[in-house]
Every structure is written in structure tokens, then in C-alpha cells.
Amino acid sequence: MIPVTRLNGVPIHVNAEMIVFVEATPDTVISLANGDRVVVRETPQSVVDAVIAYRRAIHNWQPQVGSADTSNDEPSRVPNPGARRA
């Protein structure tokens, strides 16, 4: 989702994956895949930049290794198939 502002000043978030094209007529109009159109205060270039930043953030996301608190986790109880039974 990218943040934009309607002409009346109301901030909204638009699903970046649904954007088909952005045009200046002279207002900036975002056309969505479902046929809806959203008129916003931002320039077409700033909308495109926001979509690019969104997609970079989504596709470059990587979990932080070791950031989860696992101090209370129980040890794994998965049996070792090669282990001998007593």
C-alpha cells in the first residue's frame, strides 16, 4: 500500500499492486485494475516513486536472523531416525 492524499485532503492508502496507470489530467488520476479511479494531490512521478519504493521494500525484505526471542522455547522433540533405542 502506498500513502496518497485525495484532493479534499483526506489521506488514504492505495494498493500498489492494483495500479494500472497514473496520469495527469491536469490532476493526478490513479487508475486501478478493478476500474476505480482515484484523484490525488501527489504528482504522477511521486506516485510512481512510491510504488517503486514499495516494491523494493517488499521484494528485498529479509527476516532478521536471531531477532526472535527463543529463550523460552523447548528443545526440538523430532526423533533422530539413526539413533539407537535402548
C-alpha atoms as a PDB file:
ATOM      1  CA  MET A   1       0.000   0.000   0.000  1.00  0.00           C
ATOM      2  CA  ILE A   2       1.207   3.488  -0.769  1.00  0.00           C
ATOM      3  CA  PRO A   3       0.045   6.636   1.031  1.00  0.00           C
ATOM      4  CA  VAL A   4      -1.595   9.341  -1.093  1.00  0.00           C
ATOM      5  CA  THR A   5      -3.883  12.311  -0.451  1.00  0.00           C
ATOM      6  CA  ARG A   6      -7.264  12.833  -2.098  1.00  0.00           C
ATOM      7  CA  LEU A   7      -7.967  16.311  -3.492  1.00  0.00           C
ATOM      8  CA  ASN A   8     -10.151  17.063  -0.443  1.00  0.00           C
ATOM      9  CA  GLY A   9      -7.141  16.484   1.845  1.00  0.00           C
ATOM     10  CA  VAL A  10      -8.129  13.052   3.135  1.00  0.00           C
ATOM     11  CA  PRO A  11      -5.119  10.715   3.343  1.00  0.00           C
ATOM     12  CA  ILE A  12      -5.659   7.190   2.004  1.00  0.00           C
ATOM     13  CA  HIS A  13      -3.564   4.156   1.113  1.00  0.00           C
ATOM     14  CA  VAL A  14      -3.782   2.616  -2.355  1.00  0.00           C
ATOM     15  CA  ASN A  15      -2.875  -0.982  -3.144  1.00  0.00           C
ATOM     16  CA  ALA A  16       0.217  -0.564  -5.308  1.00  0.00           C
ATOM     17  CA  GLU A  17      -0.361  -3.976  -6.905  1.00  0.00           C
ATOM     18  CA  MET A  18      -3.726  -2.789  -8.291  1.00  0.00           C
ATOM     19  CA  ILE A  19      -2.404   0.318 -10.084  1.00  0.00           C
ATOM     20  CA  VAL A  20      -2.715   0.040 -13.869  1.00  0.00           C
ATOM     21  CA  PHE A  21      -1.523   3.534 -14.776  1.00  0.00           C
ATOM     22  CA  VAL A  22      -1.121   7.073 -13.439  1.00  0.00           C
ATOM     23  CA  GLU A  23      -1.920  10.158 -15.498  1.00  0.00           C
ATOM     24  CA  ALA A  24      -2.044  13.944 -15.139  1.00  0.00           C
ATOM     25  CA  THR A  25      -5.289  15.430 -16.471  1.00  0.00           C
ATOM     26  CA  PRO A  26      -4.091  18.036 -15.005  1.00  0.00           C
ATOM     27  CA  ASP A  27      -4.955  16.430 -11.639  1.00  0.00           C
ATOM     28  CA  THR A  28      -3.195  13.165 -10.912  1.00  0.00           C
ATOM     29  CA  VAL A  29      -5.514  10.224 -11.566  1.00  0.00           C
ATOM     30  CA  ILE A  30      -4.615   6.704 -10.430  1.00  0.00           C
ATOM     31  CA  SER A  31      -6.483   4.034 -12.403  1.00  0.00           C
ATOM     32  CA  LEU A  32      -6.888   0.667 -10.702  1.00  0.00           C
ATOM     33  CA  ALA A  33      -7.307  -2.817 -12.162  1.00  0.00           C
ATOM     34  CA  ASN A  34     -10.913  -3.010 -10.939  1.00  0.00           C
ATOM     35  CA  GLY A  35     -11.837   0.125 -12.917  1.00  0.00           C
ATOM     36  CA  ASP A  36     -11.833   2.531  -9.965  1.00  0.00           C
ATOM     37  CA  ARG A  37     -10.104   5.872 -10.370  1.00  0.00           C
ATOM     38  CA  VAL A  38      -8.592   7.891  -7.538  1.00  0.00           C
ATOM     39  CA  VAL A  39      -7.773  11.592  -7.948  1.00  0.00           C
ATOM     40  CA  VAL A  40      -4.886  12.630  -5.687  1.00  0.00           C
ATOM     41  CA  ARG A  41      -2.777  15.695  -4.839  1.00  0.00           C
ATOM     42  CA  GLU A  42       0.568  13.987  -5.464  1.00  0.00           C
ATOM     43  CA  THR A  43       2.317  14.297  -8.812  1.00  0.00           C
ATOM     44  CA  PRO A  44       2.348  11.277 -11.130  1.00  0.00           C
ATOM     45  CA  GLN A  45       6.113  10.963 -10.604  1.00  0.00           C
ATOM     46  CA  SER A  46       5.755  10.901  -6.805  1.00  0.00           C
ATOM     47  CA  VAL A  47       3.131   8.132  -7.112  1.00  0.00           C
ATOM     48  CA  VAL A  48       5.473   6.145  -9.363  1.00  0.00           C
ATOM     49  CA  ASP A  49       8.346   6.728  -6.917  1.00  0.00           C
ATOM     50  CA  ALA A  50       6.163   5.494  -4.028  1.00  0.00           C
ATOM     51  CA  VAL A  51       5.255   2.337  -5.971  1.00  0.00           C
ATOM     52  CA  ILE A  52       8.925   1.683  -6.755  1.00  0.00           C
ATOM     53  CA  ALA A  53       9.877   2.165  -3.085  1.00  0.00           C
ATOM     54  CA  TYR A  54       7.030  -0.144  -2.026  1.00  0.00           C
ATOM     55  CA  ARG A  55       8.088  -2.886  -4.426  1.00  0.00           C
ATOM     56  CA  ARG A  56      11.736  -2.591  -3.403  1.00  0.00           C
ATOM     57  CA  ALA A  57      10.735  -2.896   0.241  1.00  0.00           C
ATOM     58  CA  ILE A  58       8.555  -5.940  -0.437  1.00  0.00           C
ATOM     59  CA  HIS A  59      10.974  -7.803  -2.693  1.00  0.00           C
ATOM     60  CA  ASN A  60      14.107  -7.038  -0.674  1.00  0.00           C
ATOM     61  CA  TRP A  61      12.572  -7.915   2.689  1.00  0.00           C
ATOM     62  CA  GLN A  62      14.555 -10.460   4.657  1.00  0.00           C
ATOM     63  CA  PRO A  63      13.830 -11.677   8.172  1.00  0.00           C
ATOM     64  CA  GLN A  64      16.266 -10.647  10.867  1.00  0.00           C
ATOM     65  CA  VAL A  65      18.202 -13.783  11.785  1.00  0.00           C
ATOM     66  CA  GLY A  66      18.345 -14.274  15.532  1.00  0.00           C
ATOM     67  CA  SER A  67      15.957 -11.417  16.275  1.00  0.00           C
ATOM     68  CA  ALA A  68      13.180 -13.621  17.676  1.00  0.00           C
ATOM     69  CA  ASP A  69      13.265 -14.333  21.403  1.00  0.00           C
ATOM     70  CA  THR A  70      13.569 -18.115  21.631  1.00  0.00           C
ATOM     71  CA  SER A  71      14.786 -18.271  25.238  1.00  0.00           C
ATOM     72  CA  ASN A  72      11.594 -20.000  26.424  1.00  0.00           C
ATOM     73  CA  ASP A  73      11.343 -22.464  23.550  1.00  0.00           C
ATOM     74  CA  GLU A  74      11.541 -26.149  24.380  1.00  0.00           C
ATOM     75  CA  PRO A  75      14.173 -28.215  22.592  1.00  0.00           C
ATOM     76  CA  SER A  76      13.085 -29.975  19.446  1.00  0.00           C
ATOM     77  CA  ARG A  77      11.486 -33.373  20.041  1.00  0.00           C
ATOM     78  CA  VAL A  78      11.884 -34.606  16.492  1.00  0.00           C
ATOM     79  CA  PRO A  79      13.194 -38.182  16.659  1.00  0.00           C
ATOM     80  CA  ASN A  80      16.527 -38.967  15.083  1.00  0.00           C
ATOM     81  CA  PRO A  81      15.905 -41.879  12.694  1.00  0.00           C
ATOM     82  CA  GLY A  82      19.518 -43.061  13.028  1.00  0.00           C
ATOM     83  CA  ALA A  83      19.524 -43.098  16.832  1.00  0.00           C
ATOM     84  CA  ARG A  84      19.548 -46.420  18.717  1.00  0.00           C
ATOM     85  CA  ARG A  85      16.690 -47.243  21.010  1.00  0.00           C
ATOM     86  CA  ALA A  86      17.509 -48.540  24.465  1.00  0.00           C
END
